[in-house]
ModelCIF file with pLDDT and N, C-alpha, C, O atoms, coordinates in Angstrom:
data_MODEL
#
_entry.id   MODEL 
#
_entity.id                         1 
_entity.type                       polymer 
_entity.pdbx_number_of_molecules   1 
#
_entity_poly.entity_id                      1 
_entity_poly.type                           'polypeptide(L)' 
_entity_poly.nstd_linkage                   no 
_entity_poly.nstd_monomer                   no 
_entity_poly.pdbx_seq_one_letter_code       
;(UNK)(UNK)(UNK)(UNK)(UNK)(UNK)(UNK)(UNK)(UNK)(UNK)(UNK)(UNK)(UNK)(UNK)(UNK)(UNK)
(UNK)(UNK)(UNK)(UNK)(UNK)(UNK)(UNK)(UNK)(UNK)(UNK)(UNK)(UNK)(UNK)(UNK)(UNK)(UNK)
(UNK)(UNK)(UNK)(UNK)(UNK)(UNK)(UNK)(UNK)(UNK)(UNK)(UNK)(UNK)(UNK)(UNK)(UNK)(UNK)
;
_entity_poly.pdbx_seq_one_letter_code_can   XXXXXXXXXXXXXXXXXXXXXXXXXXXXXXXXXXXXXXXXXXXXXXXX 
_entity_poly.pdbx_strand_id                 A 
#
loop_
_entity_poly_seq.entity_id 
_entity_poly_seq.num 
_entity_poly_seq.mon_id 
_entity_poly_seq.hetero 
1 1  UNK n 
1 2  UNK n 
1 3  UNK n 
1 4  UNK n 
1 5  UNK n 
1 6  UNK n 
1 7  UNK n 
1 8  UNK n 
1 9  UNK n 
1 10 UNK n 
1 11 UNK n 
1 12 UNK n 
1 13 UNK n 
1 14 UNK n 
1 15 UNK n 
1 16 UNK n 
1 17 UNK n 
1 18 UNK n 
1 19 UNK n 
1 20 UNK n 
1 21 UNK n 
1 22 UNK n 
1 23 UNK n 
1 24 UNK n 
1 25 UNK n 
1 26 UNK n 
1 27 UNK n 
1 28 UNK n 
1 29 UNK n 
1 30 UNK n 
1 31 UNK n 
1 32 UNK n 
1 33 UNK n 
1 34 UNK n 
1 35 UNK n 
1 36 UNK n 
1 37 UNK n 
1 38 UNK n 
1 39 UNK n 
1 40 UNK n 
1 41 UNK n 
1 42 UNK n 
1 43 UNK n 
1 44 UNK n 
1 45 UNK n 
1 46 UNK n 
1 47 UNK n 
1 48 UNK n 
#
_struct_asym.id          A 
_struct_asym.entity_id   1 
#
loop_
_ma_qa_metric.id 
_ma_qa_metric.mode 
_ma_qa_metric.name 
_ma_qa_metric.software_group_id 
_ma_qa_metric.type 
1 global pLDDT . pLDDT 
2 local  pLDDT . pLDDT 
#
_ma_qa_metric_global.metric_id      1 
_ma_qa_metric_global.metric_value   96.92 
_ma_qa_metric_global.model_id       1 
_ma_qa_metric_global.ordinal_id     1 
#
loop_
_ma_qa_metric_local.label_asym_id 
_ma_qa_metric_local.label_comp_id 
_ma_qa_metric_local.label_seq_id 
_ma_qa_metric_local.metric_id 
_ma_qa_metric_local.metric_value 
_ma_qa_metric_local.model_id 
_ma_qa_metric_local.ordinal_id 
A UNK 1  2 98.00 1 1  
A UNK 2  2 98.00 1 2  
A UNK 3  2 98.00 1 3  
A UNK 4  2 98.00 1 4  
A UNK 5  2 98.00 1 5  
A UNK 6  2 98.00 1 6  
A UNK 7  2 98.00 1 7  
A UNK 8  2 98.00 1 8  
A UNK 9  2 98.00 1 9  
A UNK 10 2 98.00 1 10 
A UNK 11 2 98.00 1 11 
A UNK 12 2 98.00 1 12 
A UNK 13 2 98.00 1 13 
A UNK 14 2 98.00 1 14 
A UNK 15 2 98.00 1 15 
A UNK 16 2 98.00 1 16 
A UNK 17 2 98.00 1 17 
A UNK 18 2 98.00 1 18 
A UNK 19 2 98.00 1 19 
A UNK 20 2 98.00 1 20 
A UNK 21 2 98.00 1 21 
A UNK 22 2 98.00 1 22 
A UNK 23 2 98.00 1 23 
A UNK 24 2 98.00 1 24 
A UNK 25 2 98.00 1 25 
A UNK 26 2 98.00 1 26 
A UNK 27 2 98.00 1 27 
A UNK 28 2 98.00 1 28 
A UNK 29 2 98.00 1 29 
A UNK 30 2 98.00 1 30 
A UNK 31 2 98.00 1 31 
A UNK 32 2 98.00 1 32 
A UNK 33 2 98.00 1 33 
A UNK 34 2 97.00 1 34 
A UNK 35 2 98.00 1 35 
A UNK 36 2 98.00 1 36 
A UNK 37 2 98.00 1 37 
A UNK 38 2 97.00 1 38 
A UNK 39 2 97.00 1 39 
A UNK 40 2 98.00 1 40 
A UNK 41 2 97.00 1 41 
A UNK 42 2 95.00 1 42 
A UNK 43 2 95.00 1 43 
A UNK 44 2 92.00 1 44 
A UNK 45 2 92.00 1 45 
A UNK 46 2 92.00 1 46 
A UNK 47 2 86.00 1 47 
A UNK 48 2 86.00 1 48 
#
loop_
_atom_site.group_PDB 
_atom_site.id 
_atom_site.type_symbol 
_atom_site.label_atom_id 
_atom_site.label_alt_id 
_atom_site.label_comp_id 
_atom_site.label_asym_id 
_atom_site.label_entity_id 
_atom_site.label_seq_id 
_atom_site.pdbx_PDB_ins_code 
_atom_site.Cartn_x 
_atom_site.Cartn_y 
_atom_site.Cartn_z 
_atom_site.occupancy 
_atom_site.B_iso_or_equiv 
_atom_site.pdbx_formal_charge 
_atom_site.auth_seq_id 
_atom_site.auth_comp_id 
_atom_site.auth_asym_id 
_atom_site.auth_atom_id 
_atom_site.pdbx_PDB_model_num 
ATOM 1   N N  . UNK A 1 1  ? 0.818   -1.201  0.000  1.00 98.00 ? 1  UNK A N  1 
ATOM 2   C CA . UNK A 1 1  ? 0.000   0.000   0.000  1.00 98.00 ? 1  UNK A CA 1 
ATOM 3   C C  . UNK A 1 1  ? 0.856   1.257   0.000  1.00 98.00 ? 1  UNK A C  1 
ATOM 4   O O  . UNK A 1 1  ? 0.472   2.263   -0.597 1.00 98.00 ? 1  UNK A O  1 
ATOM 5   N N  . UNK A 1 2  ? 1.992   1.219   0.649  1.00 98.00 ? 2  UNK A N  1 
ATOM 6   C CA . UNK A 1 2  ? 2.890   2.368   0.632  1.00 98.00 ? 2  UNK A CA 1 
ATOM 7   C C  . UNK A 1 2  ? 3.541   2.537   -0.736 1.00 98.00 ? 2  UNK A C  1 
ATOM 8   O O  . UNK A 1 2  ? 3.693   3.658   -1.220 1.00 98.00 ? 2  UNK A O  1 
ATOM 9   N N  . UNK A 1 3  ? 3.925   1.420   -1.361 1.00 98.00 ? 3  UNK A N  1 
ATOM 10  C CA . UNK A 1 3  ? 4.589   1.477   -2.662 1.00 98.00 ? 3  UNK A CA 1 
ATOM 11  C C  . UNK A 1 3  ? 3.626   1.950   -3.753 1.00 98.00 ? 3  UNK A C  1 
ATOM 12  O O  . UNK A 1 3  ? 4.012   2.747   -4.607 1.00 98.00 ? 3  UNK A O  1 
ATOM 13  N N  . UNK A 1 4  ? 2.377   1.469   -3.736 1.00 98.00 ? 4  UNK A N  1 
ATOM 14  C CA . UNK A 1 4  ? 1.422   1.881   -4.769 1.00 98.00 ? 4  UNK A CA 1 
ATOM 15  C C  . UNK A 1 4  ? 0.914   3.301   -4.533 1.00 98.00 ? 4  UNK A C  1 
ATOM 16  O O  . UNK A 1 4  ? 0.463   3.957   -5.472 1.00 98.00 ? 4  UNK A O  1 
ATOM 17  N N  . UNK A 1 5  ? 0.980   3.780   -3.302 1.00 98.00 ? 5  UNK A N  1 
ATOM 18  C CA . UNK A 1 5  ? 0.434   5.088   -2.972 1.00 98.00 ? 5  UNK A CA 1 
ATOM 19  C C  . UNK A 1 5  ? -0.957  5.033   -2.377 1.00 98.00 ? 5  UNK A C  1 
ATOM 20  O O  . UNK A 1 5  ? -1.517  6.073   -2.030 1.00 98.00 ? 5  UNK A O  1 
ATOM 21  N N  . UNK A 1 6  ? -1.536  3.831   -2.249 1.00 98.00 ? 6  UNK A N  1 
ATOM 22  C CA . UNK A 1 6  ? -2.873  3.728   -1.665 1.00 98.00 ? 6  UNK A CA 1 
ATOM 23  C C  . UNK A 1 6  ? -2.909  4.284   -0.252 1.00 98.00 ? 6  UNK A C  1 
ATOM 24  O O  . UNK A 1 6  ? -3.912  4.865   0.162  1.00 98.00 ? 6  UNK A O  1 
ATOM 25  N N  . UNK A 1 7  ? -1.817  4.110   0.495  1.00 98.00 ? 7  UNK A N  1 
ATOM 26  C CA . UNK A 1 7  ? -1.788  4.593   1.873  1.00 98.00 ? 7  UNK A CA 1 
ATOM 27  C C  . UNK A 1 7  ? -2.055  6.091   1.951  1.00 98.00 ? 7  UNK A C  1 
ATOM 28  O O  . UNK A 1 7  ? -2.610  6.572   2.939  1.00 98.00 ? 7  UNK A O  1 
ATOM 29  N N  . UNK A 1 8  ? -1.666  6.828   0.921  1.00 98.00 ? 8  UNK A N  1 
ATOM 30  C CA . UNK A 1 8  ? -1.868  8.285   0.936  1.00 98.00 ? 8  UNK A CA 1 
ATOM 31  C C  . UNK A 1 8  ? -3.342  8.662   0.831  1.00 98.00 ? 8  UNK A C  1 
ATOM 32  O O  . UNK A 1 8  ? -3.720  9.787   1.157  1.00 98.00 ? 8  UNK A O  1 
ATOM 33  N N  . UNK A 1 9  ? -4.172  7.730   0.377  1.00 98.00 ? 9  UNK A N  1 
ATOM 34  C CA . UNK A 1 9  ? -5.606  7.984   0.254  1.00 98.00 ? 9  UNK A CA 1 
ATOM 35  C C  . UNK A 1 9  ? -6.381  7.599   1.509  1.00 98.00 ? 9  UNK A C  1 
ATOM 36  O O  . UNK A 1 9  ? -7.605  7.727   1.545  1.00 98.00 ? 9  UNK A O  1 
ATOM 37  N N  . UNK A 1 10 ? -5.671  7.123   2.547  1.00 98.00 ? 10 UNK A N  1 
ATOM 38  C CA . UNK A 1 10 ? -6.317  6.630   3.753  1.00 98.00 ? 10 UNK A CA 1 
ATOM 39  C C  . UNK A 1 10 ? -6.001  7.517   4.952  1.00 98.00 ? 10 UNK A C  1 
ATOM 40  O O  . UNK A 1 10 ? -5.040  8.286   4.940  1.00 98.00 ? 10 UNK A O  1 
ATOM 41  N N  . UNK A 1 11 ? -6.821  7.394   5.977  1.00 98.00 ? 11 UNK A N  1 
ATOM 42  C CA . UNK A 1 11 ? -6.559  8.044   7.263  1.00 98.00 ? 11 UNK A CA 1 
ATOM 43  C C  . UNK A 1 11 ? -5.877  6.993   8.134  1.00 98.00 ? 11 UNK A C  1 
ATOM 44  O O  . UNK A 1 11 ? -6.521  6.055   8.602  1.00 98.00 ? 11 UNK A O  1 
ATOM 45  N N  . UNK A 1 12 ? -4.578  7.153   8.349  1.00 98.00 ? 12 UNK A N  1 
ATOM 46  C CA . UNK A 1 12 ? -3.784  6.145   9.045  1.00 98.00 ? 12 UNK A CA 1 
ATOM 47  C C  . UNK A 1 12 ? -3.771  6.457   10.548 1.00 98.00 ? 12 UNK A C  1 
ATOM 48  O O  . UNK A 1 12 ? -3.443  7.566   10.969 1.00 98.00 ? 12 UNK A O  1 
ATOM 49  N N  . UNK A 1 13 ? -4.135  5.454   11.331 1.00 98.00 ? 13 UNK A N  1 
ATOM 50  C CA . UNK A 1 13 ? -4.230  5.648   12.778 1.00 98.00 ? 13 UNK A CA 1 
ATOM 51  C C  . UNK A 1 13 ? -3.716  4.424   13.519 1.00 98.00 ? 13 UNK A C  1 
ATOM 52  O O  . UNK A 1 13 ? -3.645  3.325   12.968 1.00 98.00 ? 13 UNK A O  1 
ATOM 53  N N  . UNK A 1 14 ? -3.363  4.637   14.771 1.00 98.00 ? 14 UNK A N  1 
ATOM 54  C CA . UNK A 1 14 ? -3.081  3.561   15.701 1.00 98.00 ? 14 UNK A CA 1 
ATOM 55  C C  . UNK A 1 14 ? -4.219  3.449   16.694 1.00 98.00 ? 14 UNK A C  1 
ATOM 56  O O  . UNK A 1 14 ? -5.319  3.946   16.452 1.00 98.00 ? 14 UNK A O  1 
ATOM 57  N N  . UNK A 1 15 ? -3.950  2.792   17.817 1.00 98.00 ? 15 UNK A N  1 
ATOM 58  C CA . UNK A 1 15 ? -4.997  2.611   18.824 1.00 98.00 ? 15 UNK A CA 1 
ATOM 59  C C  . UNK A 1 15 ? -4.360  2.266   20.162 1.00 98.00 ? 15 UNK A C  1 
ATOM 60  O O  . UNK A 1 15 ? -3.212  1.824   20.229 1.00 98.00 ? 15 UNK A O  1 
ATOM 61  N N  . UNK A 1 16 ? -5.127  2.476   21.224 1.00 98.00 ? 16 UNK A N  1 
ATOM 62  C CA . UNK A 1 16 ? -4.740  2.005   22.544 1.00 98.00 ? 16 UNK A CA 1 
ATOM 63  C C  . UNK A 1 16 ? -5.062  0.528   22.670 1.00 98.00 ? 16 UNK A C  1 
ATOM 64  O O  . UNK A 1 16 ? -5.851  -0.016  21.898 1.00 98.00 ? 16 UNK A O  1 
ATOM 65  N N  . UNK A 1 17 ? -4.444  -0.116  23.650 1.00 98.00 ? 17 UNK A N  1 
ATOM 66  C CA . UNK A 1 17 ? -4.818  -1.486  23.972 1.00 98.00 ? 17 UNK A CA 1 
ATOM 67  C C  . UNK A 1 17 ? -6.279  -1.519  24.411 1.00 98.00 ? 17 UNK A C  1 
ATOM 68  O O  . UNK A 1 17 ? -6.751  -0.593  25.070 1.00 98.00 ? 17 UNK A O  1 
ATOM 69  N N  . UNK A 1 18 ? -6.990  -2.571  24.053 1.00 98.00 ? 18 UNK A N  1 
ATOM 70  C CA . UNK A 1 18 ? -8.322  -2.770  24.616 1.00 98.00 ? 18 UNK A CA 1 
ATOM 71  C C  . UNK A 1 18 ? -8.183  -2.879  26.130 1.00 98.00 ? 18 UNK A C  1 
ATOM 72  O O  . UNK A 1 18 ? -7.259  -3.520  26.631 1.00 98.00 ? 18 UNK A O  1 
ATOM 73  N N  . UNK A 1 19 ? -9.093  -2.259  26.844 1.00 98.00 ? 19 UNK A N  1 
ATOM 74  C CA . UNK A 1 19 ? -9.011  -2.243  28.302 1.00 98.00 ? 19 UNK A CA 1 
ATOM 75  C C  . UNK A 1 19 ? -9.414  -3.586  28.886 1.00 98.00 ? 19 UNK A C  1 
ATOM 76  O O  . UNK A 1 19 ? -9.988  -4.433  28.201 1.00 98.00 ? 19 UNK A O  1 
ATOM 77  N N  . UNK A 1 20 ? -9.105  -3.765  30.159 1.00 98.00 ? 20 UNK A N  1 
ATOM 78  C CA . UNK A 1 20 ? -9.523  -4.994  30.833 1.00 98.00 ? 20 UNK A CA 1 
ATOM 79  C C  . UNK A 1 20 ? -11.051 -5.111  30.820 1.00 98.00 ? 20 UNK A C  1 
ATOM 80  O O  . UNK A 1 20 ? -11.581 -6.208  30.644 1.00 98.00 ? 20 UNK A O  1 
ATOM 81  N N  . UNK A 1 21 ? -11.757 -4.004  31.002 1.00 98.00 ? 21 UNK A N  1 
ATOM 82  C CA . UNK A 1 21 ? -13.219 -4.044  30.922 1.00 98.00 ? 21 UNK A CA 1 
ATOM 83  C C  . UNK A 1 21 ? -13.674 -4.508  29.544 1.00 98.00 ? 21 UNK A C  1 
ATOM 84  O O  . UNK A 1 21 ? -14.606 -5.303  29.429 1.00 98.00 ? 21 UNK A O  1 
ATOM 85  N N  . UNK A 1 22 ? -13.012 -4.008  28.496 1.00 98.00 ? 22 UNK A N  1 
ATOM 86  C CA . UNK A 1 22 ? -13.351 -4.437  27.135 1.00 98.00 ? 22 UNK A CA 1 
ATOM 87  C C  . UNK A 1 22 ? -13.197 -5.944  26.989 1.00 98.00 ? 22 UNK A C  1 
ATOM 88  O O  . UNK A 1 22 ? -14.074 -6.620  26.451 1.00 98.00 ? 22 UNK A O  1 
ATOM 89  N N  . UNK A 1 23 ? -12.075 -6.462  27.473 1.00 98.00 ? 23 UNK A N  1 
ATOM 90  C CA . UNK A 1 23 ? -11.786 -7.885  27.315 1.00 98.00 ? 23 UNK A CA 1 
ATOM 91  C C  . UNK A 1 23 ? -12.752 -8.742  28.114 1.00 98.00 ? 23 UNK A C  1 
ATOM 92  O O  . UNK A 1 23 ? -13.156 -9.815  27.667 1.00 98.00 ? 23 UNK A O  1 
ATOM 93  N N  . UNK A 1 24 ? -13.124 -8.265  29.303 1.00 98.00 ? 24 UNK A N  1 
ATOM 94  C CA . UNK A 1 24 ? -13.985 -9.063  30.175 1.00 98.00 ? 24 UNK A CA 1 
ATOM 95  C C  . UNK A 1 24 ? -15.430 -9.147  29.685 1.00 98.00 ? 24 UNK A C  1 
ATOM 96  O O  . UNK A 1 24 ? -16.193 -9.982  30.171 1.00 98.00 ? 24 UNK A O  1 
ATOM 97  N N  . UNK A 1 25 ? -15.820 -8.297  28.732 1.00 98.00 ? 25 UNK A N  1 
ATOM 98  C CA . UNK A 1 25 ? -17.154 -8.445  28.151 1.00 98.00 ? 25 UNK A CA 1 
ATOM 99  C C  . UNK A 1 25 ? -17.241 -9.706  27.285 1.00 98.00 ? 25 UNK A C  1 
ATOM 100 O O  . UNK A 1 25 ? -18.338 -10.175 26.979 1.00 98.00 ? 25 UNK A O  1 
ATOM 101 N N  . UNK A 1 26 ? -16.088 -10.252 26.892 1.00 98.00 ? 26 UNK A N  1 
ATOM 102 C CA . UNK A 1 26 ? -16.045 -11.427 26.020 1.00 98.00 ? 26 UNK A CA 1 
ATOM 103 C C  . UNK A 1 26 ? -15.390 -12.622 26.711 1.00 98.00 ? 26 UNK A C  1 
ATOM 104 O O  . UNK A 1 26 ? -15.858 -13.752 26.574 1.00 98.00 ? 26 UNK A O  1 
ATOM 105 N N  . UNK A 1 27 ? -14.315 -12.375 27.451 1.00 98.00 ? 27 UNK A N  1 
ATOM 106 C CA . UNK A 1 27 ? -13.503 -13.456 28.017 1.00 98.00 ? 27 UNK A CA 1 
ATOM 107 C C  . UNK A 1 27 ? -13.599 -13.480 29.535 1.00 98.00 ? 27 UNK A C  1 
ATOM 108 O O  . UNK A 1 27 ? -13.552 -12.424 30.166 1.00 98.00 ? 27 UNK A O  1 
ATOM 109 N N  . UNK A 1 28 ? -13.736 -14.672 30.143 1.00 98.00 ? 28 UNK A N  1 
ATOM 110 C CA . UNK A 1 28 ? -13.820 -14.770 31.597 1.00 98.00 ? 28 UNK A CA 1 
ATOM 111 C C  . UNK A 1 28 ? -12.539 -14.299 32.285 1.00 98.00 ? 28 UNK A C  1 
ATOM 112 O O  . UNK A 1 28 ? -11.447 -14.379 31.722 1.00 98.00 ? 28 UNK A O  1 
ATOM 113 N N  . UNK A 1 29 ? -12.699 -13.807 33.512 1.00 98.00 ? 29 UNK A N  1 
ATOM 114 C CA . UNK A 1 29 ? -11.566 -13.321 34.293 1.00 98.00 ? 29 UNK A CA 1 
ATOM 115 C C  . UNK A 1 29 ? -10.504 -14.407 34.443 1.00 98.00 ? 29 UNK A C  1 
ATOM 116 O O  . UNK A 1 29 ? -9.310  -14.122 34.341 1.00 98.00 ? 29 UNK A O  1 
ATOM 117 N N  . UNK A 1 30 ? -10.920 -15.638 34.681 1.00 98.00 ? 30 UNK A N  1 
ATOM 118 C CA . UNK A 1 30 ? -9.960  -16.723 34.904 1.00 98.00 ? 30 UNK A CA 1 
ATOM 119 C C  . UNK A 1 30 ? -9.071  -16.924 33.686 1.00 98.00 ? 30 UNK A C  1 
ATOM 120 O O  . UNK A 1 30 ? -7.868  -17.142 33.829 1.00 98.00 ? 30 UNK A O  1 
ATOM 121 N N  . UNK A 1 31 ? -9.649  -16.853 32.483 1.00 98.00 ? 31 UNK A N  1 
ATOM 122 C CA . UNK A 1 31 ? -8.825  -16.996 31.280 1.00 98.00 ? 31 UNK A CA 1 
ATOM 123 C C  . UNK A 1 31 ? -7.860  -15.826 31.133 1.00 98.00 ? 31 UNK A C  1 
ATOM 124 O O  . UNK A 1 31 ? -6.675  -16.027 30.867 1.00 98.00 ? 31 UNK A O  1 
ATOM 125 N N  . UNK A 1 32 ? -8.353  -14.628 31.303 1.00 98.00 ? 32 UNK A N  1 
ATOM 126 C CA . UNK A 1 32 ? -7.490  -13.457 31.141 1.00 98.00 ? 32 UNK A CA 1 
ATOM 127 C C  . UNK A 1 32 ? -6.359  -13.470 32.165 1.00 98.00 ? 32 UNK A C  1 
ATOM 128 O O  . UNK A 1 32 ? -5.227  -13.115 31.837 1.00 98.00 ? 32 UNK A O  1 
ATOM 129 N N  . UNK A 1 33 ? -6.650  -13.872 33.392 1.00 98.00 ? 33 UNK A N  1 
ATOM 130 C CA . UNK A 1 33 ? -5.602  -13.942 34.416 1.00 98.00 ? 33 UNK A CA 1 
ATOM 131 C C  . UNK A 1 33 ? -4.548  -14.981 34.050 1.00 98.00 ? 33 UNK A C  1 
ATOM 132 O O  . UNK A 1 33 ? -3.352  -14.735 34.203 1.00 98.00 ? 33 UNK A O  1 
ATOM 133 N N  . UNK A 1 34 ? -4.988  -16.135 33.569 1.00 97.00 ? 34 UNK A N  1 
ATOM 134 C CA . UNK A 1 34 ? -4.043  -17.178 33.179 1.00 97.00 ? 34 UNK A CA 1 
ATOM 135 C C  . UNK A 1 34 ? -3.198  -16.739 31.989 1.00 97.00 ? 34 UNK A C  1 
ATOM 136 O O  . UNK A 1 34 ? -1.993  -16.990 31.955 1.00 97.00 ? 34 UNK A O  1 
ATOM 137 N N  . UNK A 1 35 ? -3.815  -16.096 31.030 1.00 98.00 ? 35 UNK A N  1 
ATOM 138 C CA . UNK A 1 35 ? -3.104  -15.582 29.851 1.00 98.00 ? 35 UNK A CA 1 
ATOM 139 C C  . UNK A 1 35 ? -2.067  -14.548 30.269 1.00 98.00 ? 35 UNK A C  1 
ATOM 140 O O  . UNK A 1 35 ? -0.920  -14.606 29.824 1.00 98.00 ? 35 UNK A O  1 
ATOM 141 N N  . UNK A 1 36 ? -2.455  -13.610 31.115 1.00 98.00 ? 36 UNK A N  1 
ATOM 142 C CA . UNK A 1 36 ? -1.530  -12.552 31.551 1.00 98.00 ? 36 UNK A CA 1 
ATOM 143 C C  . UNK A 1 36 ? -0.361  -13.144 32.332 1.00 98.00 ? 36 UNK A C  1 
ATOM 144 O O  . UNK A 1 36 ? 0.782   -12.729 32.143 1.00 98.00 ? 36 UNK A O  1 
ATOM 145 N N  . UNK A 1 37 ? -0.634  -14.099 33.200 1.00 98.00 ? 37 UNK A N  1 
ATOM 146 C CA . UNK A 1 37 ? 0.436   -14.703 33.995 1.00 98.00 ? 37 UNK A CA 1 
ATOM 147 C C  . UNK A 1 37 ? 1.431   -15.440 33.098 1.00 98.00 ? 37 UNK A C  1 
ATOM 148 O O  . UNK A 1 37 ? 2.642   -15.322 33.285 1.00 98.00 ? 37 UNK A O  1 
ATOM 149 N N  . UNK A 1 38 ? 0.920   -16.204 32.121 1.00 97.00 ? 38 UNK A N  1 
ATOM 150 C CA . UNK A 1 38 ? 1.810   -16.919 31.212 1.00 97.00 ? 38 UNK A CA 1 
ATOM 151 C C  . UNK A 1 38 ? 2.605   -15.950 30.345 1.00 97.00 ? 38 UNK A C  1 
ATOM 152 O O  . UNK A 1 38 ? 3.787   -16.171 30.079 1.00 97.00 ? 38 UNK A O  1 
ATOM 153 N N  . UNK A 1 39 ? 1.956   -14.881 29.907 1.00 97.00 ? 39 UNK A N  1 
ATOM 154 C CA . UNK A 1 39 ? 2.632   -13.867 29.106 1.00 97.00 ? 39 UNK A CA 1 
ATOM 155 C C  . UNK A 1 39 ? 3.768   -13.209 29.897 1.00 97.00 ? 39 UNK A C  1 
ATOM 156 O O  . UNK A 1 39 ? 4.870   -13.031 29.379 1.00 97.00 ? 39 UNK A O  1 
ATOM 157 N N  . UNK A 1 40 ? 3.492   -12.856 31.138 1.00 98.00 ? 40 UNK A N  1 
ATOM 158 C CA . UNK A 1 40 ? 4.509   -12.220 31.981 1.00 98.00 ? 40 UNK A CA 1 
ATOM 159 C C  . UNK A 1 40 ? 5.667   -13.175 32.281 1.00 98.00 ? 40 UNK A C  1 
ATOM 160 O O  . UNK A 1 40 ? 6.797   -12.741 32.508 1.00 98.00 ? 40 UNK A O  1 
ATOM 161 N N  . UNK A 1 41 ? 5.375   -14.476 32.279 1.00 97.00 ? 41 UNK A N  1 
ATOM 162 C CA . UNK A 1 41 ? 6.401   -15.477 32.594 1.00 97.00 ? 41 UNK A CA 1 
ATOM 163 C C  . UNK A 1 41 ? 7.218   -15.892 31.369 1.00 97.00 ? 41 UNK A C  1 
ATOM 164 O O  . UNK A 1 41 ? 8.088   -16.758 31.472 1.00 97.00 ? 41 UNK A O  1 
ATOM 165 N N  . UNK A 1 42 ? 6.949   -15.287 30.222 1.00 95.00 ? 42 UNK A N  1 
ATOM 166 C CA . UNK A 1 42 ? 7.747   -15.572 29.036 1.00 95.00 ? 42 UNK A CA 1 
ATOM 167 C C  . UNK A 1 42 ? 7.003   -16.204 27.899 1.00 95.00 ? 42 UNK A C  1 
ATOM 168 O O  . UNK A 1 42 ? 7.586   -16.449 26.843 1.00 95.00 ? 42 UNK A O  1 
ATOM 169 N N  . UNK A 1 43 ? 5.710   -16.483 28.083 1.00 95.00 ? 43 UNK A N  1 
ATOM 170 C CA . UNK A 1 43 ? 4.907   -17.032 26.999 1.00 95.00 ? 43 UNK A CA 1 
ATOM 171 C C  . UNK A 1 43 ? 4.696   -18.518 27.121 1.00 95.00 ? 43 UNK A C  1 
ATOM 172 O O  . UNK A 1 43 ? 5.102   -19.138 28.104 1.00 95.00 ? 43 UNK A O  1 
ATOM 173 N N  . UNK A 1 44 ? 4.058   -19.086 26.119 1.00 92.00 ? 44 UNK A N  1 
ATOM 174 C CA . UNK A 1 44 ? 3.749   -20.509 26.132 1.00 92.00 ? 44 UNK A CA 1 
ATOM 175 C C  . UNK A 1 44 ? 2.529   -20.785 25.291 1.00 92.00 ? 44 UNK A C  1 
ATOM 176 O O  . UNK A 1 44 ? 2.275   -20.100 24.301 1.00 92.00 ? 44 UNK A O  1 
ATOM 177 N N  . UNK A 1 45 ? 1.775   -21.787 25.686 1.00 92.00 ? 45 UNK A N  1 
ATOM 178 C CA . UNK A 1 45 ? 0.555   -22.133 24.969 1.00 92.00 ? 45 UNK A CA 1 
ATOM 179 C C  . UNK A 1 45 ? -0.456  -22.651 25.979 1.00 92.00 ? 45 UNK A C  1 
ATOM 180 O O  . UNK A 1 45 ? -0.209  -23.654 26.648 1.00 92.00 ? 45 UNK A O  1 
ATOM 181 N N  . UNK A 1 46 ? -1.596  -21.970 26.091 1.00 92.00 ? 46 UNK A N  1 
ATOM 182 C CA . UNK A 1 46 ? -2.629  -22.379 27.044 1.00 92.00 ? 46 UNK A CA 1 
ATOM 183 C C  . UNK A 1 46 ? -3.911  -22.776 26.326 1.00 92.00 ? 46 UNK A C  1 
ATOM 184 O O  . UNK A 1 46 ? -4.952  -22.972 26.953 1.00 92.00 ? 46 UNK A O  1 
ATOM 185 N N  . UNK A 1 47 ? -3.824  -22.890 25.018 1.00 86.00 ? 47 UNK A N  1 
ATOM 186 C CA . UNK A 1 47 ? -4.975  -23.311 24.232 1.00 86.00 ? 47 UNK A CA 1 
ATOM 187 C C  . UNK A 1 47 ? -4.528  -24.289 23.173 1.00 86.00 ? 47 UNK A C  1 
ATOM 188 O O  . UNK A 1 47 ? -3.563  -25.023 23.381 1.00 86.00 ? 47 UNK A O  1 
ATOM 189 N N  . UNK A 1 48 ? -5.199  -24.317 22.051 1.00 86.00 ? 48 UNK A N  1 
ATOM 190 C CA . UNK A 1 48 ? -4.867  -25.210 20.946 1.00 86.00 ? 48 UNK A CA 1 
ATOM 191 C C  . UNK A 1 48 ? -4.353  -24.398 19.776 1.00 86.00 ? 48 UNK A C  1 
ATOM 192 O O  . UNK A 1 48 ? -4.014  -24.961 18.735 1.00 86.00 ? 48 UNK A O  1 
#
């Protein structure tokens, strides 16, 4: 998109992280806590 010039026709933006409240509307607290703990410990795999 940068090479063709399409990016110049767009409004380019970033975003903040979704908040914990945002995440908890979809994902249970227990999952988010387990994910955060594994992430802080260096990563891994807690799903499939």
